[in-house]
Amino acid sequence: MKYQLNALTSDVLICIYVISTLYFRFKFENNGNIDPILSVVLGLSFVSIIWALIKLKILNPNWFGLFNSKKAKS
């Protein structure tokens, strides 16, 4: 059995994840002298986690209904 979340739950979890990782990055970079390359690598790592969860179909974002996939397929 594959674990999948519905669209609204996926959207909310992605928003919480993005806000918390941005907060973490700003807090982490503000407290120390961080190299810009390290900041980019950290950001790409956070994005790759979300990308992998979407590709594995664990998260099924609907982008809060902004892109209606049923109308686009017609």
PDB file of N, CA and C in Angstrom:
ATOM      1  N   MET A   1       0.838  -1.170   0.000  1.00  0.00           N
ATOM      2  CA  MET A   1       0.000   0.000   0.000  1.00  0.00           C
ATOM      3  C   MET A   1       0.888   1.240   0.000  1.00  0.00           C
ATOM      4  N   LYS A   2       0.613   2.106  -0.916  1.00  0.00           N
ATOM      5  CA  LYS A   2       1.389   3.322  -1.057  1.00  0.00           C
ATOM      6  C   LYS A   2       0.746   4.430  -0.234  1.00  0.00           C
ATOM      7  N   TYR A   3       1.561   5.167   0.496  1.00  0.00           N
ATOM      8  CA  TYR A   3       1.057   6.241   1.344  1.00  0.00           C
ATOM      9  C   TYR A   3       0.952   7.515   0.522  1.00  0.00           C
ATOM     10  N   GLN A   4      -0.267   8.062   0.421  1.00  0.00           N
ATOM     11  CA  GLN A   4      -0.514   9.287  -0.328  1.00  0.00           C
ATOM     12  C   GLN A   4      -1.346  10.241   0.510  1.00  0.00           C
ATOM     13  N   LEU A   5      -1.049  11.509   0.356  1.00  0.00           N
ATOM     14  CA  LEU A   5      -1.826  12.543   1.026  1.00  0.00           C
ATOM     15  C   LEU A   5      -2.726  13.215   0.008  1.00  0.00           C
ATOM     16  N   ASN A   6      -3.871  13.700   0.465  1.00  0.00           N
ATOM     17  CA  ASN A   6      -4.750  14.380  -0.476  1.00  0.00           C
ATOM     18  C   ASN A   6      -4.188  15.753  -0.827  1.00  0.00           C
ATOM     19  N   ALA A   7      -4.812  16.423  -1.767  1.00  0.00           N
ATOM     20  CA  ALA A   7      -4.266  17.658  -2.334  1.00  0.00           C
ATOM     21  C   ALA A   7      -4.176  18.790  -1.312  1.00  0.00           C
ATOM     22  N   LEU A   8      -5.231  18.992  -0.541  1.00  0.00           N
ATOM     23  CA  LEU A   8      -5.223  20.101   0.413  1.00  0.00           C
ATOM     24  C   LEU A   8      -4.183  19.882   1.512  1.00  0.00           C
ATOM     25  N   THR A   9      -4.081  18.665   2.019  1.00  0.00           N
ATOM     26  CA  THR A   9      -3.087  18.356   3.043  1.00  0.00           C
ATOM     27  C   THR A   9      -1.681  18.530   2.484  1.00  0.00           C
ATOM     28  N   SER A  10      -1.472  18.103   1.248  1.00  0.00           N
ATOM     29  CA  SER A  10      -0.168  18.273   0.612  1.00  0.00           C
ATOM     30  C   SER A  10       0.188  19.746   0.468  1.00  0.00           C
ATOM     31  N   ASP A  11      -0.775  20.559   0.051  1.00  0.00           N
ATOM     32  CA  ASP A  11      -0.532  21.991  -0.096  1.00  0.00           C
ATOM     33  C   ASP A  11      -0.150  22.638   1.233  1.00  0.00           C
ATOM     34  N   VAL A  12      -0.879  22.284   2.285  1.00  0.00           N
ATOM     35  CA  VAL A  12      -0.604  22.865   3.597  1.00  0.00           C
ATOM     36  C   VAL A  12       0.766  22.418   4.103  1.00  0.00           C
ATOM     37  N   LEU A  13       1.091  21.146   3.961  1.00  0.00           N
ATOM     38  CA  LEU A  13       2.393  20.645   4.408  1.00  0.00           C
ATOM     39  C   LEU A  13       3.540  21.285   3.627  1.00  0.00           C
ATOM     40  N   ILE A  14       3.366  21.483   2.333  1.00  0.00           N
ATOM     41  CA  ILE A  14       4.409  22.115   1.529  1.00  0.00           C
ATOM     42  C   ILE A  14       4.604  23.562   1.970  1.00  0.00           C
ATOM     43  N   CYS A  15       3.517  24.273   2.237  1.00  0.00           N
ATOM     44  CA  CYS A  15       3.631  25.669   2.702  1.00  0.00           C
ATOM     45  C   CYS A  15       4.338  25.748   4.049  1.00  0.00           C
ATOM     46  N   ILE A  16       3.970  24.872   4.973  1.00  0.00           N
ATOM     47  CA  ILE A  16       4.628  24.855   6.278  1.00  0.00           C
ATOM     48  C   ILE A  16       6.104  24.519   6.119  1.00  0.00           C
ATOM     49  N   TYR A  17       6.424  23.555   5.265  1.00  0.00           N
ATOM     50  CA  TYR A  17       7.805  23.155   5.030  1.00  0.00           C
ATOM     51  C   TYR A  17       8.621  24.303   4.450  1.00  0.00           C
ATOM     52  N   VAL A  18       8.073  24.988   3.459  1.00  0.00           N
ATOM     53  CA  VAL A  18       8.802  26.093   2.816  1.00  0.00           C
ATOM     54  C   VAL A  18       9.039  27.229   3.800  1.00  0.00           C
ATOM     55  N   ILE A  19       8.027  27.586   4.574  1.00  0.00           N
ATOM     56  CA  ILE A  19       8.176  28.677   5.545  1.00  0.00           C
ATOM     57  C   ILE A  19       9.184  28.309   6.626  1.00  0.00           C
ATOM     58  N   SER A  20       9.126  27.082   7.119  1.00  0.00           N
ATOM     59  CA  SER A  20      10.056  26.681   8.178  1.00  0.00           C
ATOM     60  C   SER A  20      11.491  26.558   7.660  1.00  0.00           C
ATOM     61  N   THR A  21      11.676  26.065   6.448  1.00  0.00           N
ATOM     62  CA  THR A  21      13.044  25.973   5.924  1.00  0.00           C
ATOM     63  C   THR A  21      13.613  27.352   5.611  1.00  0.00           C
ATOM     64  N   LEU A  22      12.778  28.274   5.134  1.00  0.00           N
ATOM     65  CA  LEU A  22      13.264  29.639   4.924  1.00  0.00           C
ATOM     66  C   LEU A  22      13.647  30.280   6.247  1.00  0.00           C
ATOM     67  N   TYR A  23      12.836  30.080   7.278  1.00  0.00           N
ATOM     68  CA  TYR A  23      13.170  30.606   8.595  1.00  0.00           C
ATOM     69  C   TYR A  23      14.495  30.007   9.080  1.00  0.00           C
ATOM     70  N   PHE A  24      14.632  28.696   8.932  1.00  0.00           N
ATOM     71  CA  PHE A  24      15.861  28.017   9.353  1.00  0.00           C
ATOM     72  C   PHE A  24      17.076  28.569   8.602  1.00  0.00           C
ATOM     73  N   ARG A  25      16.953  28.749   7.293  1.00  0.00           N
ATOM     74  CA  ARG A  25      18.074  29.262   6.504  1.00  0.00           C
ATOM     75  C   ARG A  25      18.440  30.681   6.917  1.00  0.00           C
ATOM     76  N   PHE A  26      17.446  31.561   7.083  1.00  0.00           N
ATOM     77  CA  PHE A  26      17.738  32.937   7.476  1.00  0.00           C
ATOM     78  C   PHE A  26      18.361  32.990   8.868  1.00  0.00           C
ATOM     79  N   LYS A  27      17.836  32.193   9.788  1.00  0.00           N
ATOM     80  CA  LYS A  27      18.377  32.142  11.155  1.00  0.00           C
ATOM     81  C   LYS A  27      19.799  31.591  11.141  1.00  0.00           C
ATOM     82  N   PHE A  28      20.042  30.539  10.397  1.00  0.00           N
ATOM     83  CA  PHE A  28      21.345  29.897  10.299  1.00  0.00           C
ATOM     84  C   PHE A  28      22.370  30.834   9.667  1.00  0.00           C
ATOM     85  N   GLU A  29      21.983  31.526   8.617  1.00  0.00           N
ATOM     86  CA  GLU A  29      22.905  32.417   7.926  1.00  0.00           C
ATOM     87  C   GLU A  29      23.153  33.706   8.706  1.00  0.00           C
ATOM     88  N   ASN A  30      22.183  34.145   9.476  1.00  0.00           N
ATOM     89  CA  ASN A  30      22.325  35.377  10.239  1.00  0.00           C
ATOM     90  C   ASN A  30      23.233  35.193  11.456  1.00  0.00           C
ATOM     91  N   ASN A  31      23.229  33.992  12.044  1.00  0.00           N
ATOM     92  CA  ASN A  31      24.021  33.742  13.251  1.00  0.00           C
ATOM     93  C   ASN A  31      25.494  33.520  12.982  1.00  0.00           C
ATOM     94  N   GLY A  32      25.862  33.182  11.782  1.00  0.00           N
ATOM     95  CA  GLY A  32      27.260  32.891  11.506  1.00  0.00           C
ATOM     96  C   GLY A  32      27.694  33.437  10.166  1.00  0.00           C
ATOM     97  N   ASN A  33      28.970  33.399   9.954  1.00  0.00           N
ATOM     98  CA  ASN A  33      29.533  33.831   8.683  1.00  0.00           C
ATOM     99  C   ASN A  33      29.468  32.647   7.720  1.00  0.00           C
ATOM    100  N   ILE A  34      28.416  32.586   6.928  1.00  0.00           N
ATOM    101  CA  ILE A  34      28.134  31.445   6.057  1.00  0.00           C
ATOM    102  C   ILE A  34      28.529  31.791   4.626  1.00  0.00           C
ATOM    103  N   ASP A  35      29.194  30.854   3.982  1.00  0.00           N
ATOM    104  CA  ASP A  35      29.595  31.010   2.591  1.00  0.00           C
ATOM    105  C   ASP A  35      28.350  30.960   1.695  1.00  0.00           C
ATOM    106  N   PRO A  36      28.279  31.810   0.669  1.00  0.00           N
ATOM    107  CA  PRO A  36      27.103  31.781  -0.219  1.00  0.00           C
ATOM    108  C   PRO A  36      26.899  30.436  -0.915  1.00  0.00           C
ATOM    109  N   ILE A  37      27.982  29.737  -1.219  1.00  0.00           N
ATOM    110  CA  ILE A  37      27.861  28.411  -1.853  1.00  0.00           C
ATOM    111  C   ILE A  37      27.145  27.442  -0.911  1.00  0.00           C
ATOM    112  N   LEU A  38      27.477  27.510   0.372  1.00  0.00           N
ATOM    113  CA  LEU A  38      26.817  26.655   1.357  1.00  0.00           C
ATOM    114  C   LEU A  38      25.332  26.967   1.435  1.00  0.00           C
ATOM    115  N   SER A  39      24.983  28.231   1.327  1.00  0.00           N
ATOM    116  CA  SER A  39      23.576  28.637   1.350  1.00  0.00           C
ATOM    117  C   SER A  39      22.829  28.065   0.153  1.00  0.00           C
ATOM    118  N   VAL A  40      23.432  28.115  -1.012  1.00  0.00           N
ATOM    119  CA  VAL A  40      22.798  27.578  -2.218  1.00  0.00           C
ATOM    120  C   VAL A  40      22.639  26.062  -2.109  1.00  0.00           C
ATOM    121  N   VAL A  41      23.661  25.376  -1.614  1.00  0.00           N
ATOM    122  CA  VAL A  41      23.597  23.922  -1.457  1.00  0.00           C
ATOM    123  C   VAL A  41      22.517  23.547  -0.445  1.00  0.00           C
ATOM    124  N   LEU A  42      22.412  24.297   0.625  1.00  0.00           N
ATOM    125  CA  LEU A  42      21.380  24.042   1.625  1.00  0.00           C
ATOM    126  C   LEU A  42      19.986  24.236   1.034  1.00  0.00           C
ATOM    127  N   GLY A  43      19.806  25.299   0.264  1.00  0.00           N
ATOM    128  CA  GLY A  43      18.519  25.547  -0.387  1.00  0.00           C
ATOM    129  C   GLY A  43      18.158  24.463  -1.391  1.00  0.00           C
ATOM    130  N   LEU A  44      19.128  24.027  -2.184  1.00  0.00           N
ATOM    131  CA  LEU A  44      18.876  22.953  -3.151  1.00  0.00           C
ATOM    132  C   LEU A  44      18.549  21.638  -2.452  1.00  0.00           C
ATOM    133  N   SER A  45      19.161  21.407  -1.312  1.00  0.00           N
ATOM    134  CA  SER A  45      18.856  20.188  -0.553  1.00  0.00           C
ATOM    135  C   SER A  45      17.413  20.200  -0.068  1.00  0.00           C
ATOM    136  N   PHE A  46      16.965  21.345   0.447  1.00  0.00           N
ATOM    137  CA  PHE A  46      15.590  21.444   0.915  1.00  0.00           C
ATOM    138  C   PHE A  46      14.600  21.278  -0.241  1.00  0.00           C
ATOM    139  N   VAL A  47      14.903  21.854  -1.382  1.00  0.00           N
ATOM    140  CA  VAL A  47      14.010  21.740  -2.546  1.00  0.00           C
ATOM    141  C   VAL A  47      13.987  20.308  -3.066  1.00  0.00           C
ATOM    142  N   SER A  48      15.135  19.626  -3.042  1.00  0.00           N
ATOM    143  CA  SER A  48      15.186  18.254  -3.557  1.00  0.00           C
ATOM    144  C   SER A  48      14.365  17.295  -2.702  1.00  0.00           C
ATOM    145  N   ILE A  49      14.242  17.579  -1.402  1.00  0.00           N
ATOM    146  CA  ILE A  49      13.410  16.729  -0.537  1.00  0.00           C
ATOM    147  C   ILE A  49      11.942  16.819  -0.967  1.00  0.00           C
ATOM    148  N   ILE A  50      11.451  18.031  -1.172  1.00  0.00           N
ATOM    149  CA  ILE A  50      10.064  18.210  -1.616  1.00  0.00           C
ATOM    150  C   ILE A  50       9.868  17.620  -3.001  1.00  0.00           C
ATOM    151  N   TRP A  51      10.818  17.834  -3.903  1.00  0.00           N
ATOM    152  CA  TRP A  51      10.728  17.300  -5.256  1.00  0.00           C
ATOM    153  C   TRP A  51      10.628  15.771  -5.227  1.00  0.00           C
ATOM    154  N   ALA A  52      11.432  15.136  -4.387  1.00  0.00           N
ATOM    155  CA  ALA A  52      11.407  13.670  -4.300  1.00  0.00           C
ATOM    156  C   ALA A  52      10.070  13.174  -3.754  1.00  0.00           C
ATOM    157  N   LEU A  53       9.518  13.858  -2.764  1.00  0.00           N
ATOM    158  CA  LEU A  53       8.224  13.439  -2.214  1.00  0.00           C
ATOM    159  C   LEU A  53       7.096  13.594  -3.228  1.00  0.00           C
ATOM    160  N   ILE A  54       7.187  14.619  -4.084  1.00  0.00           N
ATOM    161  CA  ILE A  54       6.172  14.787  -5.123  1.00  0.00           C
ATOM    162  C   ILE A  54       6.350  13.727  -6.203  1.00  0.00           C
ATOM    163  N   LYS A  55       7.586  13.449  -6.589  1.00  0.00           N
ATOM    164  CA  LYS A  55       7.828  12.424  -7.608  1.00  0.00           C
ATOM    165  C   LYS A  55       7.428  11.025  -7.143  1.00  0.00           C
ATOM    166  N   LEU A  56       7.583  10.754  -5.852  1.00  0.00           N
ATOM    167  CA  LEU A  56       7.163   9.464  -5.305  1.00  0.00           C
ATOM    168  C   LEU A  56       5.657   9.396  -5.070  1.00  0.00           C
ATOM    169  N   LYS A  57       4.957  10.484  -5.369  1.00  0.00           N
ATOM    170  CA  LYS A  57       3.504  10.592  -5.236  1.00  0.00           C
ATOM    171  C   LYS A  57       3.043  10.459  -3.787  1.00  0.00           C
ATOM    172  N   ILE A  58       3.917  10.799  -2.841  1.00  0.00           N
ATOM    173  CA  ILE A  58       3.501  10.871  -1.445  1.00  0.00           C
ATOM    174  C   ILE A  58       2.752  12.179  -1.235  1.00  0.00           C
ATOM    175  N   LEU A  59       3.292  13.263  -1.799  1.00  0.00           N
ATOM    176  CA  LEU A  59       2.613  14.547  -1.791  1.00  0.00           C
ATOM    177  C   LEU A  59       1.962  14.747  -3.153  1.00  0.00           C
ATOM    178  N   ASN A  60       0.734  15.188  -3.152  1.00  0.00           N
ATOM    179  CA  ASN A  60      -0.014  15.421  -4.384  1.00  0.00           C
ATOM    180  C   ASN A  60      -0.535  16.855  -4.385  1.00  0.00           C
ATOM    181  N   PRO A  61       0.332  17.814  -4.674  1.00  0.00           N
ATOM    182  CA  PRO A  61      -0.098  19.210  -4.571  1.00  0.00           C
ATOM    183  C   PRO A  61      -1.086  19.601  -5.661  1.00  0.00           C
ATOM    184  N   ASN A  62      -1.993  20.456  -5.280  1.00  0.00           N
ATOM    185  CA  ASN A  62      -2.965  21.016  -6.206  1.00  0.00           C
ATOM    186  C   ASN A  62      -2.731  22.514  -6.348  1.00  0.00           C
ATOM    187  N   TRP A  63      -1.740  23.015  -5.616  1.00  0.00           N
ATOM    188  CA  TRP A  63      -1.372  24.432  -5.605  1.00  0.00           C
ATOM    189  C   TRP A  63      -2.576  25.293  -5.273  1.00  0.00           C
ATOM    190  N   PHE A  64      -3.373  24.823  -4.301  1.00  0.00           N
ATOM    191  CA  PHE A  64      -4.559  25.510  -3.795  1.00  0.00           C
ATOM    192  C   PHE A  64      -5.549  25.820  -4.909  1.00  0.00           C
ATOM    193  N   GLY A  65      -5.604  24.970  -5.922  1.00  0.00           N
ATOM    194  CA  GLY A  65      -6.581  25.116  -6.993  1.00  0.00           C
ATOM    195  C   GLY A  65      -6.199  26.129  -8.054  1.00  0.00           C
ATOM    196  N   LEU A  66      -4.986  26.641  -8.038  1.00  0.00           N
ATOM    197  CA  LEU A  66      -4.573  27.627  -9.037  1.00  0.00           C
ATOM    198  C   LEU A  66      -4.468  27.019 -10.431  1.00  0.00           C
ATOM    199  N   PHE A  67      -4.020  25.782 -10.499  1.00  0.00           N
ATOM    200  CA  PHE A  67      -3.887  25.110 -11.784  1.00  0.00           C
ATOM    201  C   PHE A  67      -4.858  23.944 -11.797  1.00  0.00           C
ATOM    202  N   ASN A  68      -5.924  24.069 -12.551  1.00  0.00           N
ATOM    203  CA  ASN A  68      -6.917  23.012 -12.629  1.00  0.00           C
ATOM    204  C   ASN A  68      -6.467  22.015 -13.692  1.00  0.00           C
ATOM    205  N   SER A  69      -5.995  20.862 -13.285  1.00  0.00           N
ATOM    206  CA  SER A  69      -5.441  19.895 -14.212  1.00  0.00           C
ATOM    207  C   SER A  69      -6.517  19.261 -15.102  1.00  0.00           C
ATOM    208  N   LYS A  70      -7.764  19.180 -14.652  1.00  0.00           N
ATOM    209  CA  LYS A  70      -8.823  18.578 -15.460  1.00  0.00           C
ATOM    210  C   LYS A  70      -9.158  19.440 -16.678  1.00  0.00           C
ATOM    211  N   LYS A  71      -9.139  20.757 -16.527  1.00  0.00           N
ATOM    212  CA  LYS A  71      -9.404  21.632 -17.658  1.00  0.00           C
ATOM    213  C   LYS A  71      -8.242  21.687 -18.627  1.00  0.00           C
ATOM    214  N   ALA A  72      -7.029  21.533 -18.104  1.00  0.00           N
ATOM    215  CA  ALA A  72      -5.841  21.582 -18.961  1.00  0.00           C
ATOM    216  C   ALA A  72      -5.762  20.353 -19.851  1.00  0.00           C
ATOM    217  N   LYS A  73      -6.285  19.204 -19.384  1.00  0.00           N
ATOM    218  CA  LYS A  73      -6.238  17.973 -20.177  1.00  0.00           C
ATOM    219  C   LYS A  73      -7.298  17.960 -21.267  1.00  0.00           C
ATOM    220  N   SER A  74      -8.340  18.737 -21.155  1.00  0.00           N
ATOM    221  CA  SER A  74      -9.433  18.725 -22.137  1.00  0.00           C
ATOM    222  C   SER A  74      -9.030  19.346 -23.440  1.00  0.00           C
TER     223      SER A  74
END
